[in-house]
């Protein structure tokens, strides 16, 4: 049996530059009413750039909600309607100065499906060449490279806390172990 909730009423209570918030009244499958608070987000893309020598490129940047520097893969917010792959190409070059000849989808993820509609598209980028990075004017980051194996270990040591980065790294590492990349 498929589980579904029917939207009865929807009201936007906040509209910002990055997110909007709405409150929906829904009818549950048992006929009762419930409220759902939903954060609307245009989604994003995360790119794992893998070089021929099995090193990856990451960025370290201050993330305000956590008040700390976070080590993560290059990523960024999609513009409404923007093709995820094009967003990934743009973000990879802006943040790291890398251009990839090939992209392979690593799938999609829902970062927190209980209250946000964001979808993050994951890509593996190979065939890398270098140009100059051009981060956004409010983006301050350090670019670093490390072996894929070391990044994999940092996931388990707790040094890499970002969910999209963890998932992309774990998928790429598993694919490497199976000879799929």
Protein backbone atom coordinates (compact mmCIF):
# COMPACT_ATOMS: atom_id res chain seq x y z
CA UNK A 1 0.00 0.00 0.00
CA UNK A 2 1.32 3.41 -0.94
CA UNK A 3 1.38 6.00 1.84
CA UNK A 4 0.33 9.51 0.89
CA UNK A 5 -0.70 12.77 2.51
CA UNK A 6 -3.11 15.04 0.66
CA UNK A 7 -2.44 18.80 0.78
CA UNK A 8 -5.58 20.63 1.88
CA UNK A 9 -4.18 24.15 2.36
CA UNK A 10 -0.78 25.79 1.79
CA UNK A 11 0.53 29.16 2.96
CA UNK A 12 3.94 30.75 2.39
CA UNK A 13 5.11 32.38 5.61
CA UNK A 14 8.60 33.47 4.51
CA UNK A 15 10.32 34.13 1.18
CA UNK A 16 14.07 34.77 1.20
CA UNK A 17 16.97 34.78 -1.28
CA UNK A 18 17.82 31.11 -0.76
CA UNK A 19 14.82 29.53 0.95
CA UNK A 20 11.10 29.94 1.36
CA UNK A 21 9.01 28.46 4.16
CA UNK A 22 5.46 27.29 3.85
CA UNK A 23 3.00 25.72 6.23
CA UNK A 24 0.68 23.09 4.78
CA UNK A 25 -2.39 21.48 6.26
CA UNK A 26 -2.57 17.87 5.12
CA UNK A 27 -5.01 15.03 5.38
CA UNK A 28 -3.35 11.86 6.65
CA UNK A 29 -4.22 8.42 5.30
CA UNK A 30 -6.38 7.81 8.39
CA UNK A 31 -8.46 10.91 7.55
CA UNK A 32 -7.03 13.12 10.32
CA UNK A 33 -5.50 16.54 9.71
CA UNK A 34 -1.88 17.49 10.43
CA UNK A 35 0.40 20.48 9.81
CA UNK A 36 3.62 20.27 7.79
CA UNK A 37 6.30 22.98 7.78
CA UNK A 38 8.32 22.84 4.55
CA UNK A 39 11.50 24.66 3.62
CA UNK A 40 11.59 25.17 -0.14
CA UNK A 41 15.08 25.20 -1.65
CA UNK A 42 16.08 25.14 -5.35
CA UNK A 43 18.52 22.29 -4.71
CA UNK A 44 22.20 21.92 -5.27
CA UNK A 45 25.03 19.97 -6.79
CA UNK A 46 28.10 18.35 -5.26
CA UNK A 47 31.10 17.34 -7.38
CA UNK A 48 33.87 14.93 -6.47
CA UNK A 49 36.85 15.81 -8.71
CA UNK A 50 39.07 12.71 -9.02
CA UNK A 51 42.50 13.05 -10.63
CA UNK A 52 44.42 10.28 -12.41
CA UNK A 53 46.64 9.82 -9.33
CA UNK A 54 43.57 9.07 -7.14
CA UNK A 55 43.66 12.45 -5.40
CA UNK A 56 40.55 14.50 -4.91
CA UNK A 57 40.08 18.23 -4.60
CA UNK A 58 38.10 19.64 -1.69
CA UNK A 59 37.41 23.06 -0.22
CA UNK A 60 37.47 24.30 3.34
CA UNK A 61 35.19 27.19 4.18
CA UNK A 62 33.51 28.78 7.16
CA UNK A 63 29.90 27.65 7.49
CA UNK A 64 27.95 30.18 9.50
CA UNK A 65 25.21 27.91 10.95
CA UNK A 66 27.87 25.73 12.60
CA UNK A 67 30.33 28.55 13.36
CA UNK A 68 33.25 26.48 12.06
CA UNK A 69 35.28 25.69 8.97
CA UNK A 70 33.91 22.70 7.12
CA UNK A 71 35.88 20.43 4.77
CA UNK A 72 33.68 19.54 1.83
CA UNK A 73 33.57 18.79 -1.86
CA UNK A 74 32.93 21.65 -4.27
CA UNK A 75 29.21 22.31 -4.35
CA UNK A 76 26.65 24.99 -4.91
CA UNK A 77 23.04 26.03 -5.15
CA UNK A 78 21.14 25.56 -8.38
CA UNK A 79 19.32 28.47 -9.92
CA UNK A 80 15.62 27.66 -10.37
CA UNK A 81 15.32 25.41 -13.44
CA UNK A 82 19.09 25.14 -13.93
CA UNK A 83 20.37 21.84 -15.30
CA UNK A 84 22.17 20.04 -12.44
CA UNK A 85 25.15 19.05 -14.60
CA UNK A 86 25.66 22.63 -15.79
CA UNK A 87 25.49 23.80 -12.19
CA UNK A 88 28.12 21.21 -11.27
CA UNK A 89 30.44 22.34 -14.07
CA UNK A 90 30.08 25.96 -12.99
CA UNK A 91 30.62 25.30 -9.28
CA UNK A 92 33.63 23.05 -9.87
CA UNK A 93 35.40 25.73 -11.88
CA UNK A 94 34.34 28.66 -9.68
CA UNK A 95 35.46 27.03 -6.43
CA UNK A 96 38.53 25.02 -7.51
CA UNK A 97 39.63 26.25 -10.92
CA UNK A 98 39.13 22.74 -12.32
CA UNK A 99 37.47 21.83 -15.60
CA UNK A 100 36.35 18.23 -16.06
CA UNK A 101 36.17 16.40 -19.38
CA UNK A 102 33.81 13.78 -17.96
CA UNK A 103 31.03 13.70 -15.38
CA UNK A 104 29.38 10.58 -14.00
CA UNK A 105 26.24 10.78 -11.90
CA UNK A 106 26.56 9.41 -8.38
CA UNK A 107 22.82 9.86 -7.85
CA UNK A 108 20.64 12.24 -5.89
CA UNK A 109 20.12 12.71 -2.18
CA UNK A 110 17.46 14.21 0.04
CA UNK A 111 19.42 15.92 2.86
CA UNK A 112 16.56 16.01 5.35
CA UNK A 113 13.24 14.81 3.87
CA UNK A 114 11.20 15.54 6.99
CA UNK A 115 11.09 19.28 6.39
CA UNK A 116 13.00 20.40 3.27
CA UNK A 117 12.31 19.71 -0.42
CA UNK A 118 15.96 20.16 -1.45
CA UNK A 119 17.52 17.64 -3.84
CA UNK A 120 21.31 17.47 -4.15
CA UNK A 121 22.75 15.94 -7.31
CA UNK A 122 26.09 14.16 -6.90
CA UNK A 123 28.70 13.84 -9.65
CA UNK A 124 32.13 12.31 -10.11
CA UNK A 125 34.33 14.51 -12.30
CA UNK A 126 37.37 13.13 -14.15
CA UNK A 127 39.68 14.23 -16.95
CA UNK A 128 40.64 17.31 -14.97
CA UNK A 129 42.49 20.38 -16.25
CA UNK A 130 43.25 23.53 -14.30
CA UNK A 131 42.24 27.15 -14.84
CA UNK A 132 41.77 30.03 -12.41
CA UNK A 133 39.09 29.72 -9.74
CA UNK A 134 36.52 32.52 -9.52
CA UNK A 135 34.59 32.14 -6.27
CA UNK A 136 31.55 34.29 -5.58
CA UNK A 137 32.40 37.60 -3.89
CA UNK A 138 31.00 36.36 -0.56
CA UNK A 139 32.83 33.02 -0.79
CA UNK A 140 36.15 32.61 1.01
CA UNK A 141 37.64 29.16 0.78
CA UNK A 142 40.86 27.17 0.71
CA UNK A 143 41.32 24.53 -1.96
CA UNK A 144 43.12 21.36 -0.92
CA UNK A 145 43.90 18.00 -2.45
CA UNK A 146 44.30 14.64 -0.77
CA UNK A 147 44.23 10.98 -1.69
CA UNK A 148 40.74 9.48 -2.01
CA UNK A 149 41.76 6.93 0.64
CA UNK A 150 42.63 9.69 3.14
CA UNK A 151 39.31 11.48 2.55
CA UNK A 152 37.51 8.16 3.07
CA UNK A 153 39.30 7.81 6.43
CA UNK A 154 38.34 11.38 7.39
CA UNK A 155 34.67 10.45 7.02
CA UNK A 156 35.07 7.74 9.64
CA UNK A 157 37.27 9.81 11.97
CA UNK A 158 34.59 12.52 12.05
CA UNK A 159 36.73 15.16 10.34
CA UNK A 160 34.35 15.31 7.38
CA UNK A 161 30.90 16.12 8.75
CA UNK A 162 29.13 17.39 5.64
CA UNK A 163 26.51 14.84 4.52
CA UNK A 164 26.73 15.41 0.76
CA UNK A 165 30.50 15.08 0.93
CA UNK A 166 30.32 11.91 3.01
CA UNK A 167 27.87 10.26 0.63
CA UNK A 168 29.77 11.20 -2.55
CA UNK A 169 33.06 10.03 -1.01
CA UNK A 170 31.63 6.74 0.20
CA UNK A 171 30.02 6.03 -3.18
CA UNK A 172 33.20 6.90 -5.13
CA UNK A 173 35.37 4.87 -2.75
CA UNK A 174 33.07 1.83 -3.11
CA UNK A 175 33.11 2.24 -6.90
CA UNK A 176 36.92 2.44 -6.84
CA UNK A 177 37.08 -0.76 -4.76
CA UNK A 178 34.83 -2.53 -7.30
CA UNK A 179 36.88 -1.27 -10.26
CA UNK A 180 33.99 0.81 -11.58
CA UNK A 181 36.07 3.99 -11.81
